[in-house]
Amino acid sequence: MRYRLLLHRFLRHRLPHHRLPDRSSPRRRPLLRGLPLSLVMGLGMAFLAGPAGAAAAALEGTLGFTTAALFDADQTSKRGDLVILEVWDGTPAAAAGLQRGDVIVAIDGVPVAGKDAGQVFKSQLHGSAGGPGGPGSKVHLTLVRPAEGMRQLRVDLQRVALPIRQNPAFETFGYRVPRSWRLESYSFPLPWSPRLAYQGIEDVLFVPDFTDRKAPGYHGLVWVWWLDGHPAVDAAMLQGLLIEYFRGLSQERGTNNKFTPRLENVTARVSAAAGAPAGTAFRGEAVTYNRQGELITLQVEVELPRCPDAGHEAILFRLATQPPATPIWKDLRTVTGTFRCRRAA
């Protein structure tokens, strides 16, 4: 009974878009407020859904859900079973009737408890074509459903290609992103950078291994800004807004993670991209604090799609710690390449 109660509290405290507790954006509320930390252990690890890139998305196999690991005091590693956080429509998991809150206790007859949640998710639940987790491959899951008195379920599922999703329906512009990328939407003025005096929308798109410091996608993300009117955008303006944005973000990270950032170390530089038409593309870098209180350098690319009839200015940012010639940048550019000023009907 206590297990069911704690699990209910855990799911009730989930936020829109399934934000991670260590997500870099300061707008999110503390995800685990009011929830015993004895329940949740590996939250966020299971969002690593195989290859990080948009180009790889069609080759990924998925069952159609995201998970988090539960704490298990009986395990030496304290790693417990996997709880399903979200079931995607039109996927094998949805067709089989799996629900948010179901707990996976075994995969192909092998217990889950004690194993690393991220590795289980990547190697046994989701995976890439040509491997054991590619589209068309099958998996047998043993689950319990706390909502129905811990009823045990056994299901056989066949993986399908990872779906692509569109941006939120309330937005008049459009883009597409792999379903494994996390999406968060914000309204200006941004609470961590209120001096950025704009009105409009910021969508933040995170590659699946955004939080993995050893992965090529570490701190890889896309910002889609949709600003009211047509503010003048040039290198100096972009450089100033990056400094303001990341100084506010560093302060919030410091507050949340108990360190004091030296804001004079948070800097940026931006210049026009060579070879691009004037005023349409920029490149640079930004130095900011990560959630461990360490300074990191993000490479930055900025693109300005022209939307003359929309009454808005679109600004697309691509950011990553890796150099722009590395594969993660192909993935970031693929996503921004789907942007359209008007949403497809």
Protein backbone atom coordinates (compact mmCIF):
# COMPACT_ATOMS: atom_id res chain seq x y z
CA MET A 1 0.00 0.00 0.00
CA ARG A 2 2.81 2.43 0.85
CA TYR A 3 4.49 1.59 -2.46
CA ARG A 4 1.31 2.53 -4.34
CA LEU A 5 0.89 5.75 -2.35
CA LEU A 6 4.46 6.92 -2.98
CA LEU A 7 4.21 6.08 -6.66
CA HIS A 8 0.96 8.04 -6.91
CA ARG A 9 2.62 11.05 -5.29
CA PHE A 10 5.57 10.73 -7.65
CA LEU A 11 3.40 10.73 -10.77
CA ARG A 12 1.18 13.51 -9.44
CA HIS A 13 4.25 15.74 -9.13
CA ARG A 14 5.37 15.22 -12.72
CA LEU A 15 5.38 18.44 -14.73
CA PRO A 16 4.33 19.28 -18.31
CA HIS A 17 6.75 17.99 -20.94
CA HIS A 18 8.28 15.65 -18.30
CA ARG A 19 11.06 17.95 -17.19
CA LEU A 20 14.15 16.57 -15.54
CA PRO A 21 15.06 17.59 -12.00
CA ASP A 22 18.48 18.83 -13.13
CA ARG A 23 17.24 20.51 -16.28
CA SER A 24 19.13 23.76 -16.86
CA SER A 25 16.14 26.03 -17.29
CA PRO A 26 15.25 27.91 -14.11
CA ARG A 27 11.56 28.15 -14.85
CA ARG A 28 10.82 24.60 -13.77
CA ARG A 29 9.56 24.10 -10.24
CA PRO A 30 11.47 21.63 -8.04
CA LEU A 31 10.26 18.38 -9.50
CA LEU A 32 10.42 16.37 -6.32
CA ARG A 33 8.89 18.88 -3.93
CA GLY A 34 6.88 16.97 -1.38
CA LEU A 35 8.08 13.60 -2.67
CA PRO A 36 10.28 11.33 -0.53
CA LEU A 37 13.68 10.97 -2.20
CA SER A 38 13.60 7.36 -1.04
CA LEU A 39 11.21 6.67 -3.89
CA VAL A 40 12.87 8.10 -6.98
CA MET A 41 16.43 7.40 -7.99
CA GLY A 42 17.20 7.52 -11.67
CA LEU A 43 14.73 10.13 -12.86
CA GLY A 44 15.75 11.34 -16.28
CA MET A 45 18.23 8.60 -17.10
CA ALA A 46 15.68 6.74 -19.16
CA PHE A 47 15.12 9.70 -21.40
CA LEU A 48 18.28 8.58 -23.19
CA ALA A 49 16.45 6.87 -26.01
CA GLY A 50 19.26 5.62 -28.22
CA PRO A 51 21.07 7.68 -30.91
CA ALA A 52 20.79 11.36 -30.11
CA GLY A 53 20.36 12.72 -33.59
CA ALA A 54 17.49 13.67 -35.83
CA ALA A 55 19.22 11.86 -38.67
CA ALA A 56 19.30 8.71 -36.57
CA ALA A 57 15.72 8.97 -35.43
CA ALA A 58 14.31 6.92 -38.29
CA LEU A 59 16.72 4.13 -37.41
CA GLU A 60 15.84 4.00 -33.73
CA GLY A 61 13.56 1.35 -32.35
CA THR A 62 11.02 2.34 -29.74
CA LEU A 63 8.25 0.73 -27.74
CA GLY A 64 6.63 4.10 -27.18
CA PHE A 65 7.20 5.20 -23.59
CA THR A 66 9.60 6.95 -21.23
CA THR A 67 10.64 5.66 -17.80
CA ALA A 68 12.43 6.53 -14.58
CA ALA A 69 14.13 4.27 -12.05
CA LEU A 70 12.69 3.74 -8.58
CA PHE A 71 14.80 3.57 -5.43
CA ASP A 72 15.26 0.08 -3.97
CA ALA A 73 16.87 -0.14 -0.53
CA ASP A 74 17.37 -3.89 -0.98
CA GLN A 75 19.74 -3.41 -3.91
CA THR A 76 23.40 -2.64 -3.31
CA SER A 77 23.24 -0.03 -6.06
CA LYS A 78 19.86 1.24 -4.71
CA ARG A 79 18.55 0.98 -8.29
CA GLY A 80 15.03 -0.35 -8.50
CA ASP A 81 12.42 -1.14 -11.12
CA LEU A 82 11.38 1.24 -13.92
CA VAL A 83 8.15 3.22 -13.70
CA ILE A 84 6.51 4.35 -16.95
CA LEU A 85 6.15 8.13 -17.05
CA GLU A 86 4.53 8.64 -20.44
CA VAL A 87 3.02 6.44 -23.14
CA TRP A 88 3.07 7.88 -26.65
CA ASP A 89 -0.06 7.65 -28.78
CA GLY A 90 0.05 5.36 -31.79
CA THR A 91 2.89 3.19 -30.50
CA PRO A 92 3.08 -0.49 -29.51
CA ALA A 93 2.94 0.42 -25.82
CA ALA A 94 -0.28 2.35 -26.33
CA ALA A 95 -1.80 -0.45 -28.40
CA ALA A 96 -0.96 -2.94 -25.64
CA GLY A 97 -2.73 -0.80 -23.05
CA LEU A 98 0.32 0.18 -21.01
CA GLN A 99 -0.32 3.10 -18.69
CA ARG A 100 1.52 5.85 -16.91
CA GLY A 101 2.46 4.44 -13.50
CA ASP A 102 2.95 0.83 -14.63
CA VAL A 103 6.18 -0.60 -13.24
CA ILE A 104 8.53 -2.73 -15.36
CA VAL A 105 10.05 -5.46 -13.19
CA ALA A 106 11.65 -7.67 -15.87
CA ILE A 107 12.67 -7.49 -19.53
CA ASP A 108 12.79 -10.76 -21.45
CA GLY A 109 12.59 -12.55 -18.11
CA VAL A 110 15.58 -10.75 -16.59
CA PRO A 111 14.89 -8.57 -13.51
CA VAL A 112 15.42 -4.84 -13.92
CA ALA A 113 16.26 -3.97 -10.29
CA GLY A 114 19.93 -3.33 -9.64
CA LYS A 115 20.73 -2.19 -13.17
CA ASP A 116 21.56 1.26 -14.51
CA ALA A 117 18.30 2.79 -15.75
CA GLY A 118 19.83 4.61 -18.69
CA GLN A 119 21.65 1.55 -19.97
CA VAL A 120 18.56 -0.62 -19.58
CA PHE A 121 16.49 1.89 -21.51
CA LYS A 122 19.02 2.24 -24.32
CA SER A 123 20.12 -1.37 -24.70
CA GLN A 124 17.01 -3.36 -23.78
CA LEU A 125 14.01 -1.15 -24.41
CA HIS A 126 15.08 1.18 -27.19
CA GLY A 127 17.95 0.86 -29.64
CA SER A 128 19.26 1.38 -33.16
CA ALA A 129 18.72 -0.46 -36.42
CA GLY A 130 20.92 -3.50 -36.86
CA GLY A 131 21.07 -4.07 -33.11
CA PRO A 132 18.83 -5.97 -30.72
CA GLY A 133 16.63 -2.90 -30.23
CA GLY A 134 16.03 -1.87 -33.84
CA PRO A 135 12.61 -1.51 -35.49
CA GLY A 136 10.93 -4.88 -35.91
CA SER A 137 12.67 -6.50 -32.96
CA LYS A 138 10.59 -7.86 -30.09
CA VAL A 139 10.70 -7.68 -26.32
CA HIS A 140 8.76 -9.36 -23.51
CA LEU A 141 7.92 -7.17 -20.52
CA THR A 142 6.77 -8.18 -17.07
CA LEU A 143 5.02 -5.34 -15.24
CA VAL A 144 2.92 -4.62 -12.21
CA ARG A 145 0.13 -2.06 -12.10
CA PRO A 146 -0.08 -0.35 -8.68
CA ALA A 147 -3.31 1.37 -9.71
CA GLU A 148 -4.97 -2.06 -9.79
CA GLY A 149 -3.65 -3.62 -6.61
CA MET A 150 -0.22 -4.53 -8.04
CA ARG A 151 -1.78 -6.69 -10.75
CA GLN A 152 0.91 -8.42 -12.80
CA LEU A 153 0.97 -7.95 -16.58
CA ARG A 154 2.95 -9.77 -19.26
CA VAL A 155 3.13 -8.24 -22.74
CA ASP A 156 5.02 -8.91 -25.95
CA LEU A 157 5.83 -5.80 -27.94
CA GLN A 158 7.49 -5.17 -31.30
CA ARG A 159 9.59 -2.05 -31.66
CA VAL A 160 8.79 0.51 -34.33
CA ALA A 161 10.76 3.42 -35.76
CA LEU A 162 10.98 6.39 -33.42
CA PRO A 163 8.19 8.83 -34.29
CA ILE A 164 8.67 12.47 -35.22
CA ARG A 165 6.50 15.06 -33.50
CA GLN A 166 5.52 18.62 -34.29
CA ASN A 167 5.83 21.58 -31.99
CA PRO A 168 2.92 22.42 -29.64
CA ALA A 169 -0.40 22.94 -31.40
CA PHE A 170 -0.99 26.42 -29.95
CA GLU A 171 2.03 27.80 -31.85
CA THR A 172 1.39 29.32 -35.28
CA PHE A 173 4.87 28.49 -36.60
CA GLY A 174 6.01 24.93 -37.16
CA TYR A 175 8.94 22.54 -36.85
CA ARG A 176 9.51 18.83 -36.36
CA VAL A 177 11.72 17.07 -33.83
CA PRO A 178 12.46 13.43 -32.94
CA ARG A 179 10.20 12.13 -30.19
CA SER A 180 13.25 11.30 -28.06
CA TRP A 181 14.13 15.01 -27.76
CA ARG A 182 12.66 16.80 -24.76
CA LEU A 183 10.64 19.95 -25.40
CA GLU A 184 9.85 22.80 -23.01
CA SER A 185 7.97 26.01 -23.86
CA TYR A 186 8.26 29.38 -22.10
CA SER A 187 6.75 32.82 -22.49
CA PHE A 188 8.70 36.07 -22.52
CA PRO A 189 9.73 37.79 -20.36
CA LEU A 190 11.74 34.82 -19.15
CA PRO A 191 11.74 34.66 -15.34
CA TRP A 192 15.48 34.00 -15.09
CA SER A 193 16.29 36.86 -17.50
CA PRO A 194 13.51 39.45 -17.05
CA ARG A 195 15.63 42.23 -18.52
CA LEU A 196 15.33 40.62 -21.94
CA ALA A 197 12.44 42.92 -22.79
CA TYR A 198 10.69 40.87 -25.44
CA GLN A 199 7.25 39.37 -25.85
CA GLY A 200 6.77 36.01 -27.45
CA ILE A 201 7.69 32.35 -27.07
CA GLU A 202 10.84 30.35 -26.40
CA ASP A 203 10.84 26.62 -27.15
CA VAL A 204 13.83 24.71 -25.79
CA LEU A 205 14.66 21.37 -27.45
CA PHE A 206 17.12 19.06 -25.69
CA VAL A 207 19.01 16.22 -27.35
CA PRO A 208 18.45 12.93 -25.48
CA ASP A 209 21.87 12.89 -23.79
CA PHE A 210 21.85 16.57 -22.82
CA THR A 211 22.73 15.82 -19.18
CA ASP A 212 25.36 13.14 -19.89
CA ARG A 213 28.72 14.82 -19.42
CA LYS A 214 30.51 12.04 -21.32
CA ALA A 215 28.17 12.04 -24.33
CA PRO A 216 28.64 14.00 -27.57
CA GLY A 217 25.26 15.61 -27.03
CA TYR A 218 26.15 17.09 -23.63
CA HIS A 219 24.44 20.48 -23.40
CA GLY A 220 23.27 20.12 -27.00
CA LEU A 221 20.05 22.01 -27.58
CA VAL A 222 18.02 24.22 -29.89
CA TRP A 223 16.20 27.39 -28.92
CA VAL A 224 13.29 28.52 -31.08
CA TRP A 225 12.44 32.15 -30.36
CA TRP A 226 9.23 33.63 -31.80
CA LEU A 227 9.22 37.31 -30.87
CA ASP A 228 6.41 39.78 -31.35
CA GLY A 229 7.16 42.45 -33.93
CA HIS A 230 10.50 42.73 -35.69
CA PRO A 231 13.27 43.72 -33.23
CA ALA A 232 16.56 44.67 -34.86
CA VAL A 233 18.90 41.68 -34.71
CA ASP A 234 22.62 42.00 -35.22
CA ALA A 235 25.80 40.57 -33.69
CA ALA A 236 25.92 43.09 -30.85
CA MET A 237 22.29 42.47 -29.91
CA LEU A 238 22.78 38.68 -29.92
CA GLN A 239 25.96 38.93 -27.88
CA GLY A 240 24.23 41.05 -25.27
CA LEU A 241 21.20 38.81 -24.98
CA LEU A 242 23.36 35.69 -24.61
CA ILE A 243 25.26 37.31 -21.74
CA GLU A 244 22.03 38.38 -20.05
CA TYR A 245 20.40 34.99 -20.59
CA PHE A 246 23.29 32.94 -19.27
CA ARG A 247 24.06 35.21 -16.33
CA GLY A 248 20.48 34.83 -15.19
CA LEU A 249 20.61 31.11 -15.82
CA SER A 250 23.89 30.79 -13.91
CA GLN A 251 22.42 32.61 -10.93
CA GLU A 252 19.44 30.29 -10.90
CA ARG A 253 21.65 27.22 -11.19
CA GLY A 254 23.75 28.49 -8.33
CA THR A 255 20.67 28.95 -6.16
CA ASN A 256 19.33 25.50 -7.00
CA ASN A 257 22.66 23.69 -6.63
CA LYS A 258 24.22 25.68 -3.79
CA PHE A 259 27.12 27.42 -5.48
CA THR A 260 27.87 31.09 -6.12
CA PRO A 261 28.66 31.89 -9.76
CA ARG A 262 31.04 34.70 -10.59
CA LEU A 263 28.95 36.46 -13.17
CA GLU A 264 31.89 38.33 -14.67
CA ASN A 265 33.05 34.92 -15.95
CA VAL A 266 29.83 34.47 -17.92
CA THR A 267 30.63 35.95 -21.32
CA ALA A 268 29.72 35.65 -24.98
CA ARG A 269 31.00 36.74 -28.36
CA VAL A 270 29.06 36.75 -31.62
CA SER A 271 29.95 37.72 -35.18
CA ALA A 272 28.36 37.40 -38.59
CA ALA A 273 28.76 33.97 -40.16
CA ALA A 274 31.17 33.97 -43.07
CA GLY A 275 29.54 33.47 -46.47
CA ALA A 276 25.97 34.02 -45.31
CA PRO A 277 23.77 36.88 -46.56
CA ALA A 278 24.07 39.91 -44.31
CA GLY A 279 21.95 39.72 -41.18
CA THR A 280 20.81 36.10 -41.62
CA ALA A 281 23.36 33.96 -39.75
CA PHE A 282 25.79 34.40 -36.86
CA ARG A 283 28.33 32.32 -34.98
CA GLY A 284 30.03 32.60 -31.63
CA GLU A 285 30.37 31.09 -28.20
CA ALA A 286 29.04 31.56 -24.69
CA VAL A 287 30.71 30.73 -21.39
CA THR A 288 28.30 29.73 -18.63
CA TYR A 289 28.03 27.59 -15.51
CA ASN A 290 26.71 24.05 -15.58
CA ARG A 291 24.69 22.67 -12.69
CA GLN A 292 27.88 21.36 -11.02
CA GLY A 293 29.18 24.93 -10.72
CA GLU A 294 31.79 24.49 -13.46
CA LEU A 295 32.34 26.87 -16.34
CA ILE A 296 31.60 25.37 -19.75
CA THR A 297 31.89 26.85 -23.23
CA LEU A 298 29.01 26.48 -25.64
CA GLN A 299 29.48 26.91 -29.35
CA VAL A 300 26.60 28.93 -30.78
CA GLU A 301 25.02 29.23 -34.20
CA VAL A 302 22.15 31.65 -34.84
CA GLU A 303 19.87 31.68 -37.86
CA LEU A 304 17.19 34.22 -38.76
CA PRO A 305 14.47 32.81 -41.03
CA ARG A 306 12.64 35.67 -42.69
CA CYS A 307 8.95 35.80 -41.79
CA PRO A 308 7.94 39.19 -43.28
CA ASP A 309 4.18 38.60 -43.19
CA ALA A 310 3.91 36.93 -39.82
CA GLY A 311 4.25 39.96 -37.56
CA HIS A 312 7.00 38.13 -35.71
CA GLU A 313 10.74 37.65 -35.74
CA ALA A 314 12.01 34.07 -35.64
CA ILE A 315 15.46 33.44 -34.17
CA LEU A 316 16.86 29.91 -34.16
CA PHE A 317 19.76 29.10 -31.83
CA ARG A 318 21.88 25.95 -31.94
CA LEU A 319 24.15 25.32 -28.94
CA ALA A 320 26.53 22.53 -27.94
CA THR A 321 29.84 22.03 -26.20
CA GLN A 322 31.21 20.09 -29.19
CA PRO A 323 32.90 21.89 -32.12
CA PRO A 324 30.56 22.80 -35.01
CA ALA A 325 32.11 20.18 -37.32
CA THR A 326 31.10 17.25 -35.09
CA PRO A 327 28.05 15.04 -35.83
CA ILE A 328 25.83 16.52 -33.11
CA TRP A 329 25.68 19.73 -35.13
CA LYS A 330 24.19 17.90 -38.09
CA ASP A 331 21.40 16.81 -35.79
CA LEU A 332 20.83 20.34 -34.47
CA ARG A 333 20.79 21.77 -38.00
CA THR A 334 18.40 19.08 -39.18
CA VAL A 335 15.88 20.13 -36.54
CA THR A 336 16.14 23.87 -37.26
CA GLY A 337 15.94 23.05 -40.97
CA THR A 338 12.34 21.93 -40.47
CA PHE A 339 11.27 25.36 -39.17
CA ARG A 340 8.48 27.09 -41.06
CA CYS A 341 7.02 30.53 -40.34
CA ARG A 342 3.51 29.18 -40.77
CA ARG A 343 2.37 25.89 -39.35
CA ALA A 344 1.37 23.29 -41.93
CA ALA A 345 -2.36 22.68 -42.08
